[in-house]
Amino acid sequence: MDFDWMKIPYSLLTLFIVVNYGMILNAFIQKIGARVGRRHGIPIWQNYADLIKNYSIRSSITHGVMFYLGPVFRLSGGVGLLLFVPTIYGSYMFSNMSFAGDLILALYFVFFGTLGMALGAAESGHPHAAIGITRGLSQVTAAELPFALAVFAVALQYQTLSVTDIVAAQQGSFLNWTLFTNPLAVTAAMLSFLGSMMRPPFDVVLAPQEIPIGPPTEYHSSYLALMQTNRAIFPIAKIVIYMNLFFGGAASWPVFFLKVFCIYMISVLVGVVFPRFRVEQSIRWFLIWAVPVGILAVVLV
């Protein structure tokens, strides 16, 4: 089958919209956290100013090739996840590069960026880099396991690995959403979602309450800007997966913005209420509560 080159500009337009929505949404979430702590918070445009400043800075410090490829892999994971999943159901312009087995590819992209950052941190020369790698990979593995089980349950339920076909099966009424037809799979996926967003109480990798080390401190200049760009893209891209698999997808941009906002707010509300877990507490939580629900969802389907 010939490649449709007309999808490239439409995919870039999707990327532009998602980047800006992610930047604004991140600033809004930071203001929510600040208001809970009785602070004013940053202005909405602050993330844009920081991004432009970091992209304009160059550095002569060298740590090795893989150290600087880490942010590139991280951004590639977010961009790839977004571009290989349909954004707007029924739209040729915003179907992106989706194809029949895109659900399996999406699972790879979810984990791709984390592995890239682990390789980059290993070459940073920081004595505590191994601690960050262990924390990150341990929690991501524990958090992605119930999500993988939920995806298997959904694929078995709809007998397809095409995200477009899964969204199509949920059309007609909100009662057709996977949320109502397979609530166990959605429960397992949403429990996994809390950990994958790296917000409290599961921000064990960045650990902002401890000594400030980790990627935001080790990386600088345009490399930090790449990570900031991915921080705007990747959460939205992952929420698009959740929206398509479990919440009926979106047939227009207003519906897209509303559903993404509502799903994102679940992790935000949990984050402002609960303090941070320790690493072993986080992993134990997923293995005790989320994984059994995912296994039960697969067995029942």
C-alpha atoms as a PDB file:
ATOM      1  CA  MET A   1       0.000   0.000   0.000  1.00  0.00           C
ATOM      2  CA  ASP A   2       1.330   3.434  -0.971  1.00  0.00           C
ATOM      3  CA  PHE A   3       2.093   5.926   1.737  1.00  0.00           C
ATOM      4  CA  ASP A   4      -0.279   8.886   1.896  1.00  0.00           C
ATOM      5  CA  TRP A   5       2.055  11.883   1.925  1.00  0.00           C
ATOM      6  CA  MET A   6      -0.848  14.269   2.513  1.00  0.00           C
ATOM      7  CA  LYS A   7      -1.053  13.016   6.082  1.00  0.00           C
ATOM      8  CA  ILE A   8       2.310  14.579   6.966  1.00  0.00           C
ATOM      9  CA  PRO A   9       1.140  18.234   7.127  1.00  0.00           C
ATOM     10  CA  TYR A  10      -2.029  17.172   8.949  1.00  0.00           C
ATOM     11  CA  SER A  11       0.056  15.225  11.477  1.00  0.00           C
ATOM     12  CA  LEU A  12       2.280  18.261  12.012  1.00  0.00           C
ATOM     13  CA  LEU A  13      -0.838  20.355  12.592  1.00  0.00           C
ATOM     14  CA  THR A  14      -1.999  17.824  15.182  1.00  0.00           C
ATOM     15  CA  LEU A  15       1.400  18.016  16.856  1.00  0.00           C
ATOM     16  CA  PHE A  16       1.245  21.830  16.921  1.00  0.00           C
ATOM     17  CA  ILE A  17      -2.214  21.822  18.515  1.00  0.00           C
ATOM     18  CA  VAL A  18      -1.264  19.227  21.123  1.00  0.00           C
ATOM     19  CA  VAL A  19       1.981  20.996  22.078  1.00  0.00           C
ATOM     20  CA  ASN A  20       0.181  24.277  22.726  1.00  0.00           C
ATOM     21  CA  TYR A  21      -2.683  22.596  24.579  1.00  0.00           C
ATOM     22  CA  GLY A  22      -0.173  20.676  26.689  1.00  0.00           C
ATOM     23  CA  MET A  23       1.778  23.829  27.536  1.00  0.00           C
ATOM     24  CA  ILE A  24      -1.354  25.690  28.617  1.00  0.00           C
ATOM     25  CA  LEU A  25      -2.700  22.691  30.511  1.00  0.00           C
ATOM     26  CA  ASN A  26       0.582  22.188  32.386  1.00  0.00           C
ATOM     27  CA  ALA A  27       0.587  25.825  33.474  1.00  0.00           C
ATOM     28  CA  PHE A  28      -3.035  25.537  34.587  1.00  0.00           C
ATOM     29  CA  ILE A  29      -2.235  22.400  36.598  1.00  0.00           C
ATOM     30  CA  GLN A  30       0.696  24.141  38.266  1.00  0.00           C
ATOM     31  CA  LYS A  31      -1.640  26.960  39.249  1.00  0.00           C
ATOM     32  CA  ILE A  32      -4.053  24.425  40.769  1.00  0.00           C
ATOM     33  CA  GLY A  33      -1.246  22.964  42.876  1.00  0.00           C
ATOM     34  CA  ALA A  34      -0.157  26.437  43.907  1.00  0.00           C
ATOM     35  CA  ARG A  35      -3.678  27.470  44.904  1.00  0.00           C
ATOM     36  CA  VAL A  36      -4.027  24.359  47.052  1.00  0.00           C
ATOM     37  CA  GLY A  37      -0.828  25.446  48.810  1.00  0.00           C
ATOM     38  CA  ARG A  38      -2.172  29.013  49.151  1.00  0.00           C
ATOM     39  CA  ARG A  39       0.265  30.386  46.581  1.00  0.00           C
ATOM     40  CA  HIS A  40      -0.422  32.390  43.433  1.00  0.00           C
ATOM     41  CA  GLY A  41       1.383  30.150  40.951  1.00  0.00           C
ATOM     42  CA  ILE A  42       3.036  30.868  37.618  1.00  0.00           C
ATOM     43  CA  PRO A  43       1.411  32.879  34.824  1.00  0.00           C
ATOM     44  CA  ILE A  44      -0.008  30.866  31.931  1.00  0.00           C
ATOM     45  CA  TRP A  45       2.673  32.135  29.534  1.00  0.00           C
ATOM     46  CA  GLN A  46       5.597  31.184  31.803  1.00  0.00           C
ATOM     47  CA  ASN A  47       6.121  27.761  30.203  1.00  0.00           C
ATOM     48  CA  TYR A  48       6.440  29.382  26.770  1.00  0.00           C
ATOM     49  CA  ALA A  49       9.050  31.824  28.068  1.00  0.00           C
ATOM     50  CA  ASP A  50      11.059  29.022  29.681  1.00  0.00           C
ATOM     51  CA  LEU A  51      10.889  26.888  26.531  1.00  0.00           C
ATOM     52  CA  ILE A  52      12.055  29.688  24.226  1.00  0.00           C
ATOM     53  CA  LYS A  53      14.872  30.590  26.605  1.00  0.00           C
ATOM     54  CA  ASN A  54      16.155  27.017  26.881  1.00  0.00           C
ATOM     55  CA  TYR A  55      16.014  26.409  23.129  1.00  0.00           C
ATOM     56  CA  SER A  56      18.122  29.538  22.611  1.00  0.00           C
ATOM     57  CA  ILE A  57      20.893  28.376  24.967  1.00  0.00           C
ATOM     58  CA  ARG A  58      23.843  26.252  23.837  1.00  0.00           C
ATOM     59  CA  SER A  59      26.271  24.333  26.029  1.00  0.00           C
ATOM     60  CA  SER A  60      29.890  23.185  25.663  1.00  0.00           C
ATOM     61  CA  ILE A  61      29.636  20.594  28.462  1.00  0.00           C
ATOM     62  CA  THR A  62      29.983  16.997  27.253  1.00  0.00           C
ATOM     63  CA  HIS A  63      28.975  13.770  29.000  1.00  0.00           C
ATOM     64  CA  GLY A  64      28.950  11.365  26.077  1.00  0.00           C
ATOM     65  CA  VAL A  65      26.693  10.713  23.114  1.00  0.00           C
ATOM     66  CA  MET A  66      24.082   8.627  24.907  1.00  0.00           C
ATOM     67  CA  PHE A  67      23.608  11.281  27.595  1.00  0.00           C
ATOM     68  CA  TYR A  68      22.419  13.731  24.962  1.00  0.00           C
ATOM     69  CA  LEU A  69      20.400  11.151  23.046  1.00  0.00           C
ATOM     70  CA  GLY A  70      18.296  10.536  26.187  1.00  0.00           C
ATOM     71  CA  PRO A  71      16.067  13.628  25.718  1.00  0.00           C
ATOM     72  CA  VAL A  72      15.840  12.858  21.984  1.00  0.00           C
ATOM     73  CA  PHE A  73      14.576   9.341  22.723  1.00  0.00           C
ATOM     74  CA  ARG A  74      12.220  10.760  25.323  1.00  0.00           C
ATOM     75  CA  LEU A  75      10.709  13.233  22.856  1.00  0.00           C
ATOM     76  CA  SER A  76      10.587  10.570  20.127  1.00  0.00           C
ATOM     77  CA  GLY A  77       8.478   8.385  22.402  1.00  0.00           C
ATOM     78  CA  GLY A  78       5.914  11.141  22.958  1.00  0.00           C
ATOM     79  CA  VAL A  79       5.783  12.275  19.331  1.00  0.00           C
ATOM     80  CA  GLY A  80       5.622   8.708  18.014  1.00  0.00           C
ATOM     81  CA  LEU A  81       2.849   7.783  20.406  1.00  0.00           C
ATOM     82  CA  LEU A  82       0.799  10.777  19.286  1.00  0.00           C
ATOM     83  CA  LEU A  83       1.362  10.408  15.550  1.00  0.00           C
ATOM     84  CA  PHE A  84       0.586   6.701  15.301  1.00  0.00           C
ATOM     85  CA  VAL A  85      -2.769   6.944  17.071  1.00  0.00           C
ATOM     86  CA  PRO A  86      -5.877   8.628  15.600  1.00  0.00           C
ATOM     87  CA  THR A  87      -6.645  11.897  17.362  1.00  0.00           C
ATOM     88  CA  ILE A  88     -10.107  12.697  16.004  1.00  0.00           C
ATOM     89  CA  TYR A  89     -12.359   9.757  15.127  1.00  0.00           C
ATOM     90  CA  GLY A  90     -13.818   9.858  11.625  1.00  0.00           C
ATOM     91  CA  SER A  91     -11.475  12.635  10.465  1.00  0.00           C
ATOM     92  CA  TYR A  92      -9.091  12.007   7.573  1.00  0.00           C
ATOM     93  CA  MET A  93      -7.034  15.054   8.548  1.00  0.00           C
ATOM     94  CA  PHE A  94      -6.452  13.962  12.129  1.00  0.00           C
ATOM     95  CA  SER A  95      -6.278  10.184  11.792  1.00  0.00           C
ATOM     96  CA  ASN A  96      -2.471  10.601  11.730  1.00  0.00           C
ATOM     97  CA  MET A  97      -0.377   7.540  10.791  1.00  0.00           C
ATOM     98  CA  SER A  98      -2.690   4.994  12.395  1.00  0.00           C
ATOM     99  CA  PHE A  99      -2.935   1.502  10.922  1.00  0.00           C
ATOM    100  CA  ALA A 100      -4.384  -1.941  11.694  1.00  0.00           C
ATOM    101  CA  GLY A 101      -2.001  -2.926  14.512  1.00  0.00           C
ATOM    102  CA  ASP A 102      -1.271   0.475  15.968  1.00  0.00           C
ATOM    103  CA  LEU A 103      -2.253  -0.575  19.494  1.00  0.00           C
ATOM    104  CA  ILE A 104       0.841  -2.789  19.821  1.00  0.00           C
ATOM    105  CA  LEU A 105       3.061  -0.005  18.478  1.00  0.00           C
ATOM    106  CA  ALA A 106       1.540   2.416  20.980  1.00  0.00           C
ATOM    107  CA  LEU A 107       2.536   0.132  23.859  1.00  0.00           C
ATOM    108  CA  TYR A 108       6.131   0.193  22.618  1.00  0.00           C
ATOM    109  CA  PHE A 109       6.177   3.974  22.368  1.00  0.00           C
ATOM    110  CA  VAL A 110       4.853   4.302  25.934  1.00  0.00           C
ATOM    111  CA  PHE A 111       7.963   2.555  27.241  1.00  0.00           C
ATOM    112  CA  PHE A 112      10.434   3.848  24.639  1.00  0.00           C
ATOM    113  CA  GLY A 113      11.059   7.256  26.182  1.00  0.00           C
ATOM    114  CA  THR A 114      11.662   5.848  29.659  1.00  0.00           C
ATOM    115  CA  LEU A 115      14.291   3.433  28.363  1.00  0.00           C
ATOM    116  CA  GLY A 116      15.992   6.247  26.471  1.00  0.00           C
ATOM    117  CA  MET A 117      16.201   8.405  29.588  1.00  0.00           C
ATOM    118  CA  ALA A 118      17.597   5.445  31.552  1.00  0.00           C
ATOM    119  CA  LEU A 119      20.406   5.055  29.010  1.00  0.00           C
ATOM    120  CA  GLY A 120      21.086   8.779  29.115  1.00  0.00           C
ATOM    121  CA  ALA A 121      21.191   8.895  32.913  1.00  0.00           C
ATOM    122  CA  ALA A 122      23.622   5.974  32.977  1.00  0.00           C
ATOM    123  CA  GLU A 123      26.175   8.108  31.111  1.00  0.00           C
ATOM    124  CA  SER A 124      25.658  11.279  33.128  1.00  0.00           C
ATOM    125  CA  GLY A 125      28.502  10.572  35.532  1.00  0.00           C
ATOM    126  CA  HIS A 126      26.331  11.410  38.528  1.00  0.00           C
ATOM    127  CA  PRO A 127      26.954   9.052  41.478  1.00  0.00           C
ATOM    128  CA  HIS A 128      23.225   8.798  42.183  1.00  0.00           C
ATOM    129  CA  ALA A 129      22.184   8.153  38.575  1.00  0.00           C
ATOM    130  CA  ALA A 130      21.749   4.448  39.268  1.00  0.00           C
ATOM    131  CA  ILE A 131      19.257   5.289  42.017  1.00  0.00           C
ATOM    132  CA  GLY A 132      17.139   7.319  39.618  1.00  0.00           C
ATOM    133  CA  ILE A 133      17.292   4.579  36.962  1.00  0.00           C
ATOM    134  CA  THR A 134      16.238   1.938  39.466  1.00  0.00           C
ATOM    135  CA  ARG A 135      13.382   4.080  40.738  1.00  0.00           C
ATOM    136  CA  GLY A 136      12.156   4.965  37.272  1.00  0.00           C
ATOM    137  CA  LEU A 137      12.276   1.533  35.666  1.00  0.00           C
ATOM    138  CA  SER A 138      10.872  -0.204  38.739  1.00  0.00           C
ATOM    139  CA  GLN A 139       7.837   2.049  38.989  1.00  0.00           C
ATOM    140  CA  VAL A 140       7.224   2.250  35.237  1.00  0.00           C
ATOM    141  CA  THR A 141       7.323  -1.550  34.958  1.00  0.00           C
ATOM    142  CA  ALA A 142       4.938  -1.979  37.887  1.00  0.00           C
ATOM    143  CA  ALA A 143       2.597   0.731  36.572  1.00  0.00           C
ATOM    144  CA  GLU A 144       2.552  -0.452  32.948  1.00  0.00           C
ATOM    145  CA  LEU A 145       1.746  -4.054  33.857  1.00  0.00           C
ATOM    146  CA  PRO A 146      -1.934  -3.409  34.774  1.00  0.00           C
ATOM    147  CA  PHE A 147      -2.240  -1.117  31.746  1.00  0.00           C
ATOM    148  CA  ALA A 148      -0.968  -3.906  29.468  1.00  0.00           C
ATOM    149  CA  LEU A 149      -3.460  -6.312  31.021  1.00  0.00           C
ATOM    150  CA  ALA A 150      -6.269  -3.801  30.467  1.00  0.00           C
ATOM    151  CA  VAL A 151      -5.224  -3.376  26.827  1.00  0.00           C
ATOM    152  CA  PHE A 152      -5.224  -7.159  26.340  1.00  0.00           C
ATOM    153  CA  ALA A 153      -8.697  -7.337  27.827  1.00  0.00           C
ATOM    154  CA  VAL A 154      -9.958  -4.610  25.488  1.00  0.00           C
ATOM    155  CA  ALA A 155      -8.319  -6.235  22.452  1.00  0.00           C
ATOM    156  CA  LEU A 156      -9.983  -9.545  23.344  1.00  0.00           C
ATOM    157  CA  GLN A 157     -13.323  -7.810  23.919  1.00  0.00           C
ATOM    158  CA  TYR A 158     -13.376  -6.064  20.534  1.00  0.00           C
ATOM    159  CA  GLN A 159     -11.330  -8.713  18.668  1.00  0.00           C
ATOM    160  CA  THR A 160      -9.036  -6.115  17.094  1.00  0.00           C
ATOM    161  CA  LEU A 161      -5.743  -4.309  17.653  1.00  0.00           C
ATOM    162  CA  SER A 162      -6.828  -1.258  15.653  1.00  0.00           C
ATOM    163  CA  VAL A 163      -7.485   1.798  17.802  1.00  0.00           C
ATOM    164  CA  THR A 164      -9.823   3.164  15.121  1.00  0.00           C
ATOM    165  CA  ASP A 165     -11.926  -0.023  15.174  1.00  0.00           C
ATOM    166  CA  ILE A 166     -12.063   0.042  18.974  1.00  0.00           C
ATOM    167  CA  VAL A 167     -13.329   3.623  18.914  1.00  0.00           C
ATOM    168  CA  ALA A 168     -15.858   2.699  16.213  1.00  0.00           C
ATOM    169  CA  ALA A 169     -17.251  -0.077  18.430  1.00  0.00           C
ATOM    170  CA  GLN A 170     -17.977   2.479  21.166  1.00  0.00           C
ATOM    171  CA  GLN A 171     -20.034   4.877  19.025  1.00  0.00           C
ATOM    172  CA  GLY A 172     -23.803   5.349  19.261  1.00  0.00           C
ATOM    173  CA  SER A 173     -24.151   6.039  22.983  1.00  0.00           C
ATOM    174  CA  PHE A 174     -21.963   6.708  25.972  1.00  0.00           C
ATOM    175  CA  LEU A 175     -23.226   3.394  27.350  1.00  0.00           C
ATOM    176  CA  ASN A 176     -21.179   1.726  24.600  1.00  0.00           C
ATOM    177  CA  TRP A 177     -17.959   3.108  26.038  1.00  0.00           C
ATOM    178  CA  THR A 178     -15.553   0.539  27.438  1.00  0.00           C
ATOM    179  CA  LEU A 179     -16.013   2.335  30.748  1.00  0.00           C
ATOM    180  CA  PHE A 180     -19.445   0.714  30.962  1.00  0.00           C
ATOM    181  CA  THR A 181     -18.937  -2.475  28.935  1.00  0.00           C
ATOM    182  CA  ASN A 182     -15.691  -3.516  30.665  1.00  0.00           C
ATOM    183  CA  PRO A 183     -15.330  -1.528  33.906  1.00  0.00           C
ATOM    184  CA  LEU A 184     -12.653  -3.827  35.351  1.00  0.00           C
ATOM    185  CA  ALA A 185     -10.284  -3.142  32.463  1.00  0.00           C
ATOM    186  CA  VAL A 186     -10.886   0.600  32.787  1.00  0.00           C
ATOM    187  CA  THR A 187     -10.293   0.442  36.554  1.00  0.00           C
ATOM    188  CA  ALA A 188      -6.957  -1.334  36.076  1.00  0.00           C
ATOM    189  CA  ALA A 189      -5.944   1.129  33.358  1.00  0.00           C
ATOM    190  CA  MET A 190      -6.835   4.190  35.427  1.00  0.00           C
ATOM    191  CA  LEU A 191      -4.913   2.875  38.429  1.00  0.00           C
ATOM    192  CA  SER A 192      -1.949   2.455  36.094  1.00  0.00           C
ATOM    193  CA  PHE A 193      -2.590   5.955  34.738  1.00  0.00           C
ATOM    194  CA  LEU A 194      -1.954   7.500  38.144  1.00  0.00           C
ATOM    195  CA  GLY A 195       1.553   6.044  38.198  1.00  0.00           C
ATOM    196  CA  SER A 196       2.439   6.671  34.575  1.00  0.00           C
ATOM    197  CA  MET A 197       1.723  10.407  34.869  1.00  0.00           C
ATOM    198  CA  MET A 198       4.533  10.718  37.456  1.00  0.00           C
ATOM    199  CA  ARG A 199       2.499  12.981  39.693  1.00  0.00           C
ATOM    200  CA  PRO A 200       2.144  12.628  43.493  1.00  0.00           C
ATOM    201  CA  PRO A 201       1.974  10.209  45.163  1.00  0.00           C
ATOM    202  CA  PHE A 202       3.923   8.416  42.417  1.00  0.00           C
ATOM    203  CA  ASP A 203       6.599  11.020  41.611  1.00  0.00           C
ATOM    204  CA  VAL A 204       9.284   8.794  43.121  1.00  0.00           C
ATOM    205  CA  VAL A 205      11.714   9.425  40.242  1.00  0.00           C
ATOM    206  CA  LEU A 206      11.984  13.207  40.497  1.00  0.00           C
ATOM    207  CA  ALA A 207      11.347  13.162  44.256  1.00  0.00           C
ATOM    208  CA  PRO A 208      10.962  16.965  44.531  1.00  0.00           C
ATOM    209  CA  GLN A 209      10.914  16.801  48.335  1.00  0.00           C
ATOM    210  CA  GLU A 210      14.490  15.456  48.346  1.00  0.00           C
ATOM    211  CA  ILE A 211      17.793  16.929  47.174  1.00  0.00           C
ATOM    212  CA  PRO A 212      17.147  18.287  43.662  1.00  0.00           C
ATOM    213  CA  ILE A 213      18.840  15.755  41.395  1.00  0.00           C
ATOM    214  CA  GLY A 214      17.617  13.949  38.323  1.00  0.00           C
ATOM    215  CA  PRO A 215      16.898  14.897  34.696  1.00  0.00           C
ATOM    216  CA  PRO A 216      15.606  18.467  35.316  1.00  0.00           C
ATOM    217  CA  THR A 217      18.860  19.278  37.120  1.00  0.00           C
ATOM    218  CA  GLU A 218      21.349  17.232  35.099  1.00  0.00           C
ATOM    219  CA  TYR A 219      20.122  18.430  31.703  1.00  0.00           C
ATOM    220  CA  HIS A 220      20.385  22.008  30.518  1.00  0.00           C
ATOM    221  CA  SER A 221      19.971  24.339  27.555  1.00  0.00           C
ATOM    222  CA  SER A 222      18.258  22.834  24.485  1.00  0.00           C
ATOM    223  CA  TYR A 223      18.354  19.345  25.999  1.00  0.00           C
ATOM    224  CA  LEU A 224      16.192  20.543  28.854  1.00  0.00           C
ATOM    225  CA  ALA A 225      13.947  22.246  26.277  1.00  0.00           C
ATOM    226  CA  LEU A 226      13.447  18.883  24.536  1.00  0.00           C
ATOM    227  CA  MET A 227      12.327  17.402  27.855  1.00  0.00           C
ATOM    228  CA  GLN A 228       9.988  20.341  28.454  1.00  0.00           C
ATOM    229  CA  THR A 229       8.474  19.838  25.003  1.00  0.00           C
ATOM    230  CA  ASN A 230       7.949  16.161  25.715  1.00  0.00           C
ATOM    231  CA  ARG A 231       6.360  17.045  29.061  1.00  0.00           C
ATOM    232  CA  ALA A 232       3.706  18.907  27.065  1.00  0.00           C
ATOM    233  CA  ILE A 233       3.265  16.177  24.433  1.00  0.00           C
ATOM    234  CA  PHE A 234       3.592  12.828  26.192  1.00  0.00           C
ATOM    235  CA  PRO A 235       0.839  13.189  28.839  1.00  0.00           C
ATOM    236  CA  ILE A 236      -1.635  14.327  26.176  1.00  0.00           C
ATOM    237  CA  ALA A 237      -0.555  11.521  23.819  1.00  0.00           C
ATOM    238  CA  LYS A 238      -1.065   8.916  26.522  1.00  0.00           C
ATOM    239  CA  ILE A 239      -4.433  10.390  27.470  1.00  0.00           C
ATOM    240  CA  VAL A 240      -5.438  10.100  23.787  1.00  0.00           C
ATOM    241  CA  ILE A 241      -4.814   6.344  24.101  1.00  0.00           C
ATOM    242  CA  TYR A 242      -6.999   6.175  27.210  1.00  0.00           C
ATOM    243  CA  MET A 243      -9.686   8.313  25.603  1.00  0.00           C
ATOM    244  CA  ASN A 244      -9.821   6.110  22.505  1.00  0.00           C
ATOM    245  CA  LEU A 245      -9.711   2.781  24.312  1.00  0.00           C
ATOM    246  CA  PHE A 246     -11.972   3.455  27.267  1.00  0.00           C
ATOM    247  CA  PHE A 247     -13.979   6.667  26.800  1.00  0.00           C
ATOM    248  CA  GLY A 248     -15.352   6.512  23.261  1.00  0.00           C
ATOM    249  CA  GLY A 249     -12.736   8.666  21.548  1.00  0.00           C
ATOM    250  CA  ALA A 250     -13.431  12.167  20.258  1.00  0.00           C
ATOM    251  CA  ALA A 251     -15.243  13.140  17.056  1.00  0.00           C
ATOM    252  CA  SER A 252     -14.279  16.839  17.233  1.00  0.00           C
ATOM    253  CA  TRP A 253     -11.651  19.079  18.790  1.00  0.00           C
ATOM    254  CA  PRO A 254     -13.977  20.546  21.479  1.00  0.00           C
ATOM    255  CA  VAL A 255     -14.816  17.012  22.643  1.00  0.00           C
ATOM    256  CA  PHE A 256     -11.111  16.152  22.501  1.00  0.00           C
ATOM    257  CA  PHE A 257     -10.139  19.108  24.692  1.00  0.00           C
ATOM    258  CA  LEU A 258     -12.899  18.347  27.203  1.00  0.00           C
ATOM    259  CA  LYS A 259     -12.166  14.624  27.544  1.00  0.00           C
ATOM    260  CA  VAL A 260      -8.398  15.130  27.771  1.00  0.00           C
ATOM    261  CA  PHE A 261      -8.888  17.764  30.456  1.00  0.00           C
ATOM    262  CA  CYS A 262     -11.238  15.576  32.516  1.00  0.00           C
ATOM    263  CA  ILE A 263      -8.973  12.509  32.328  1.00  0.00           C
ATOM    264  CA  TYR A 264      -5.906  14.595  33.192  1.00  0.00           C
ATOM    265  CA  MET A 265      -7.657  16.093  36.204  1.00  0.00           C
ATOM    266  CA  ILE A 266      -7.986  12.627  37.781  1.00  0.00           C
ATOM    267  CA  SER A 267      -4.222  12.426  38.339  1.00  0.00           C
ATOM    268  CA  VAL A 268      -4.064  16.102  39.319  1.00  0.00           C
ATOM    269  CA  LEU A 269      -6.729  15.781  42.032  1.00  0.00           C
ATOM    270  CA  VAL A 270      -5.061  12.662  43.436  1.00  0.00           C
ATOM    271  CA  GLY A 271      -1.708  14.444  43.367  1.00  0.00           C
ATOM    272  CA  VAL A 272      -2.797  17.472  45.384  1.00  0.00           C
ATOM    273  CA  VAL A 273      -4.466  15.295  48.041  1.00  0.00           C
ATOM    274  CA  PHE A 274      -1.956  12.518  48.746  1.00  0.00           C
ATOM    275  CA  PRO A 275       1.715  12.827  49.767  1.00  0.00           C
ATOM    276  CA  ARG A 276       4.497  11.006  47.934  1.00  0.00           C
ATOM    277  CA  PHE A 277       4.987   7.254  48.240  1.00  0.00           C
ATOM    278  CA  ARG A 278       8.359   5.684  48.820  1.00  0.00           C
ATOM    279  CA  VAL A 279       9.577   3.498  45.969  1.00  0.00           C
ATOM    280  CA  GLU A 280       8.661   0.211  47.630  1.00  0.00           C
ATOM    281  CA  GLN A 281       5.252   1.584  48.628  1.00  0.00           C
ATOM    282  CA  SER A 282       4.532   2.616  45.049  1.00  0.00           C
ATOM    283  CA  ILE A 283       5.479  -0.746  43.544  1.00  0.00           C
ATOM    284  CA  ARG A 284       3.605  -2.656  46.246  1.00  0.00           C
ATOM    285  CA  TRP A 285       0.498  -0.549  45.607  1.00  0.00           C
ATOM    286  CA  PHE A 286       0.398  -1.466  41.922  1.00  0.00           C
ATOM    287  CA  LEU A 287       1.077  -5.153  42.536  1.00  0.00           C
ATOM    288  CA  ILE A 288      -1.552  -5.459  45.276  1.00  0.00           C
ATOM    289  CA  TRP A 289      -4.365  -3.323  43.860  1.00  0.00           C
ATOM    290  CA  ALA A 290      -3.953  -2.710  40.122  1.00  0.00           C
ATOM    291  CA  VAL A 291      -2.480  -5.957  38.772  1.00  0.00           C
ATOM    292  CA  PRO A 292      -5.158  -8.294  40.250  1.00  0.00           C
ATOM    293  CA  VAL A 293      -7.907  -6.112  38.734  1.00  0.00           C
ATOM    294  CA  GLY A 294      -6.182  -6.324  35.345  1.00  0.00           C
ATOM    295  CA  ILE A 295      -5.846 -10.109  35.583  1.00  0.00           C
ATOM    296  CA  LEU A 296      -9.520 -10.409  36.529  1.00  0.00           C
ATOM    297  CA  ALA A 297     -10.501  -8.238  33.540  1.00  0.00           C
ATOM    298  CA  VAL A 298      -8.620 -10.561  31.140  1.00  0.00           C
ATOM    299  CA  VAL A 299     -10.071 -13.702  32.730  1.00  0.00           C
ATOM    300  CA  LEU A 300     -13.663 -12.451  32.569  1.00  0.00           C
ATOM    301  CA  VAL A 301     -13.365 -11.408  28.917  1.00  0.00           C
END
